[in-house]
């Protein structure tokens, strides 16, 4: 019998509608998301209980629809964030955020629950000190809202639990440890652990 399939989408790869990855001080969003996503895939496969792979080429919508057609048990769109200086200047926190479709919880969609499990796993793996500005959190995404870019990265996954994983800001000084080889591996492991906790809770 086929193992439950988790599909990962490599953000800013393939046909992205002209949206380039973020760059800052030699950090490349596409390279970093590939690194932590691959670590998560390897950890899931190592359990012997799950299959995991990249969603492949095509548009963002086509990759989401592929998850639906292949019967995936989860769809993870891997990204990193940028623009921390704008938030900092406005006095806003630079959260580590997992976005889910605002309709999650309706019509069998469970992206909200998946996002919450990822948040819990990452909080456990990275227990930042009290001075850290920004916390791991799950946030709903909506059309016609500042979260709409994330919304359209999960909108077309149908009933597959789908999230956009943005574990930190490339240009946030307090997040720099995430982008080290150790940090990327730990991110991948936490991501996989959160997925496993979600799947085992159903």
Protein backbone atom coordinates (compact mmCIF):
# COMPACT_ATOMS: atom_id res chain seq x y z
CA UNK A 1 0.00 0.00 0.00
CA UNK A 2 1.14 3.54 -0.76
CA UNK A 3 2.31 5.59 2.19
CA UNK A 4 0.51 8.86 3.05
CA UNK A 5 1.98 11.56 0.81
CA UNK A 6 3.15 14.98 1.99
CA UNK A 7 3.87 17.40 -0.86
CA UNK A 8 6.23 20.35 -0.47
CA UNK A 9 6.17 23.32 -2.82
CA UNK A 10 9.47 25.09 -3.44
CA UNK A 11 8.57 28.77 -3.32
CA UNK A 12 9.89 30.99 -6.11
CA UNK A 13 10.87 28.04 -8.28
CA UNK A 14 9.15 27.04 -11.51
CA UNK A 15 6.47 29.25 -13.02
CA UNK A 16 5.91 31.85 -10.32
CA UNK A 17 4.11 34.56 -12.26
CA UNK A 18 7.24 36.69 -12.26
CA UNK A 19 7.65 36.79 -8.49
CA UNK A 20 11.38 36.67 -7.68
CA UNK A 21 12.78 35.26 -4.44
CA UNK A 22 13.98 37.62 -1.74
CA UNK A 23 17.70 38.34 -1.37
CA UNK A 24 19.57 40.01 1.48
CA UNK A 25 23.27 40.13 2.33
CA UNK A 26 23.99 36.98 0.33
CA UNK A 27 20.93 35.12 1.63
CA UNK A 28 18.71 33.67 -1.10
CA UNK A 29 15.14 32.74 -0.20
CA UNK A 30 14.91 30.03 -2.86
CA UNK A 31 18.10 28.31 -1.66
CA UNK A 32 17.16 28.50 2.01
CA UNK A 33 13.62 27.20 1.55
CA UNK A 34 14.99 24.34 -0.54
CA UNK A 35 17.40 23.47 2.27
CA UNK A 36 14.90 23.34 5.14
CA UNK A 37 12.25 21.72 2.93
CA UNK A 38 14.66 18.96 1.93
CA UNK A 39 15.55 18.36 5.59
CA UNK A 40 11.84 17.98 6.36
CA UNK A 41 11.33 15.57 3.47
CA UNK A 42 14.27 13.43 4.60
CA UNK A 43 12.97 13.31 8.18
CA UNK A 44 9.47 12.30 7.09
CA UNK A 45 10.80 9.56 4.81
CA UNK A 46 13.08 8.28 7.57
CA UNK A 47 10.05 7.39 9.69
CA UNK A 48 9.05 4.74 7.16
CA UNK A 49 5.43 5.85 7.71
CA UNK A 50 5.19 8.70 5.21
CA UNK A 51 6.18 9.53 1.67
CA UNK A 52 7.29 13.09 1.02
CA UNK A 53 8.53 14.91 -2.06
CA UNK A 54 8.51 18.21 -3.91
CA UNK A 55 5.37 19.12 -5.84
CA UNK A 56 7.34 19.62 -9.05
CA UNK A 57 7.08 22.24 -11.76
CA UNK A 58 4.21 24.30 -13.09
CA UNK A 59 2.38 27.30 -11.70
CA UNK A 60 1.60 27.72 -8.04
CA UNK A 61 -2.02 26.83 -8.78
CA UNK A 62 -1.07 23.72 -10.74
CA UNK A 63 1.09 22.49 -7.86
CA UNK A 64 -1.75 22.97 -5.37
CA UNK A 65 -4.14 21.13 -7.65
CA UNK A 66 -1.56 18.36 -8.01
CA UNK A 67 -1.68 17.85 -4.24
CA UNK A 68 -5.45 17.46 -4.47
CA UNK A 69 -5.34 15.05 -7.40
CA UNK A 70 -2.59 12.93 -5.83
CA UNK A 71 -4.46 12.63 -2.55
CA UNK A 72 -1.77 14.31 -0.46
CA UNK A 73 -2.35 14.41 3.29
CA UNK A 74 -0.63 17.81 3.59
CA UNK A 75 0.74 20.53 1.31
CA UNK A 76 3.54 22.79 2.56
CA UNK A 77 4.52 25.86 0.55
CA UNK A 78 8.10 26.71 1.61
CA UNK A 79 9.17 30.35 1.73
CA UNK A 80 11.17 32.85 3.77
CA UNK A 81 10.16 36.42 4.53
CA UNK A 82 11.85 39.79 3.98
CA UNK A 83 11.16 43.43 4.72
CA UNK A 84 11.76 43.34 8.46
CA UNK A 85 13.11 46.89 8.46
CA UNK A 86 9.73 48.29 7.42
CA UNK A 87 8.00 46.46 10.27
CA UNK A 88 10.73 47.43 12.72
CA UNK A 89 10.44 51.12 11.80
CA UNK A 90 6.69 50.91 12.37
CA UNK A 91 7.18 49.25 15.74
CA UNK A 92 5.66 45.94 14.63
CA UNK A 93 6.88 42.43 15.52
CA UNK A 94 8.64 40.30 12.93
CA UNK A 95 6.75 37.06 13.45
CA UNK A 96 7.65 33.60 12.24
CA UNK A 97 4.36 32.86 10.52
CA UNK A 98 2.51 29.90 9.05
CA UNK A 99 -0.42 31.02 6.90
CA UNK A 100 -3.56 29.00 6.24
CA UNK A 101 -6.72 29.51 4.18
CA UNK A 102 -9.22 31.54 6.24
CA UNK A 103 -11.88 29.00 5.29
CA UNK A 104 -9.98 26.24 7.12
CA UNK A 105 -12.28 24.40 9.45
CA UNK A 106 -15.09 24.65 6.90
CA UNK A 107 -15.97 22.00 4.35
CA UNK A 108 -13.36 19.60 5.69
CA UNK A 109 -10.43 22.00 5.35
CA UNK A 110 -7.96 21.55 8.20
CA UNK A 111 -5.14 23.94 7.29
CA UNK A 112 -5.71 25.86 10.53
CA UNK A 113 -5.00 22.75 12.60
CA UNK A 114 -1.90 21.94 10.55
CA UNK A 115 -0.62 25.50 11.00
CA UNK A 116 -1.13 25.28 14.75
CA UNK A 117 0.86 22.05 14.97
CA UNK A 118 3.72 23.57 12.97
CA UNK A 119 3.72 26.61 15.24
CA UNK A 120 3.91 24.41 18.35
CA UNK A 121 6.72 22.28 16.92
CA UNK A 122 8.78 25.31 15.91
CA UNK A 123 8.21 27.03 19.26
CA UNK A 124 9.56 23.92 20.97
CA UNK A 125 12.57 23.67 18.65
CA UNK A 126 13.42 27.39 18.89
CA UNK A 127 12.53 28.64 22.41
CA UNK A 128 13.62 32.23 21.81
CA UNK A 129 14.49 34.39 24.84
CA UNK A 130 12.06 37.02 26.04
CA UNK A 131 14.03 39.70 24.20
CA UNK A 132 13.19 38.12 20.84
CA UNK A 133 10.83 40.43 18.92
CA UNK A 134 8.42 38.15 17.12
CA UNK A 135 6.91 34.78 17.94
CA UNK A 136 5.92 31.68 16.06
CA UNK A 137 2.30 32.05 15.08
CA UNK A 138 -0.42 30.74 12.78
CA UNK A 139 -2.32 33.36 10.79
CA UNK A 140 -5.26 33.08 8.43
CA UNK A 141 -4.86 34.43 4.90
CA UNK A 142 -7.63 36.11 2.92
CA UNK A 143 -8.28 37.62 -0.51
CA UNK A 144 -8.35 41.43 -0.75
CA UNK A 145 -6.13 41.63 2.33
CA UNK A 146 -2.43 42.12 2.98
CA UNK A 147 -2.22 38.32 3.39
CA UNK A 148 -3.64 37.67 -0.08
CA UNK A 149 -0.33 36.51 -1.59
CA UNK A 150 -0.24 33.66 0.94
CA UNK A 151 -3.93 32.97 0.34
CA UNK A 152 -3.40 32.27 -3.36
CA UNK A 153 -0.61 29.84 -2.50
CA UNK A 154 -3.09 27.59 -0.66
CA UNK A 155 -6.42 28.56 -2.22
CA UNK A 156 -6.51 25.77 -4.82
CA UNK A 157 -5.49 22.78 -2.72
CA UNK A 158 -9.11 21.70 -2.25
CA UNK A 159 -9.57 19.65 0.91
CA UNK A 160 -5.84 19.00 1.32
CA UNK A 161 -4.55 20.68 4.52
CA UNK A 162 -2.31 23.41 3.09
CA UNK A 163 -0.11 26.11 4.58
CA UNK A 164 2.50 28.67 3.59
CA UNK A 165 5.50 28.29 5.90
CA UNK A 166 7.53 31.50 6.41
CA UNK A 167 9.82 30.76 9.35
CA UNK A 168 11.62 34.08 9.50
CA UNK A 169 12.92 37.26 7.88
CA UNK A 170 16.16 37.22 5.93
CA UNK A 171 16.93 40.80 7.03
CA UNK A 172 16.00 40.44 10.72
CA UNK A 173 19.13 40.33 12.92
CA UNK A 174 17.39 38.14 15.52
CA UNK A 175 16.57 35.52 12.88
CA UNK A 176 20.04 35.01 11.48
CA UNK A 177 20.67 31.74 13.33
CA UNK A 178 17.83 30.20 11.30
CA UNK A 179 19.79 30.58 8.08
CA UNK A 180 22.89 28.70 9.25
CA UNK A 181 23.33 25.04 8.25
CA UNK A 182 22.32 24.03 11.79
CA UNK A 183 19.30 26.33 11.79
CA UNK A 184 18.03 25.14 8.42
CA UNK A 185 18.33 21.50 9.48
CA UNK A 186 16.49 22.22 12.74
CA UNK A 187 13.81 24.12 10.84
CA UNK A 188 13.29 21.11 8.59
CA UNK A 189 13.11 18.74 11.54
CA UNK A 190 10.63 20.96 13.39
CA UNK A 191 8.54 21.26 10.23
CA UNK A 192 8.46 17.48 9.84
CA UNK A 193 7.68 16.96 13.53
CA UNK A 194 4.76 19.36 13.30
CA UNK A 195 3.39 17.58 10.24
CA UNK A 196 3.68 14.21 11.98
CA UNK A 197 1.93 15.54 15.10
CA UNK A 198 -0.87 16.89 12.91
CA UNK A 199 -1.30 13.63 11.00
CA UNK A 200 -1.27 11.55 14.17
CA UNK A 201 -3.89 13.79 15.77
CA UNK A 202 -6.50 13.11 13.09
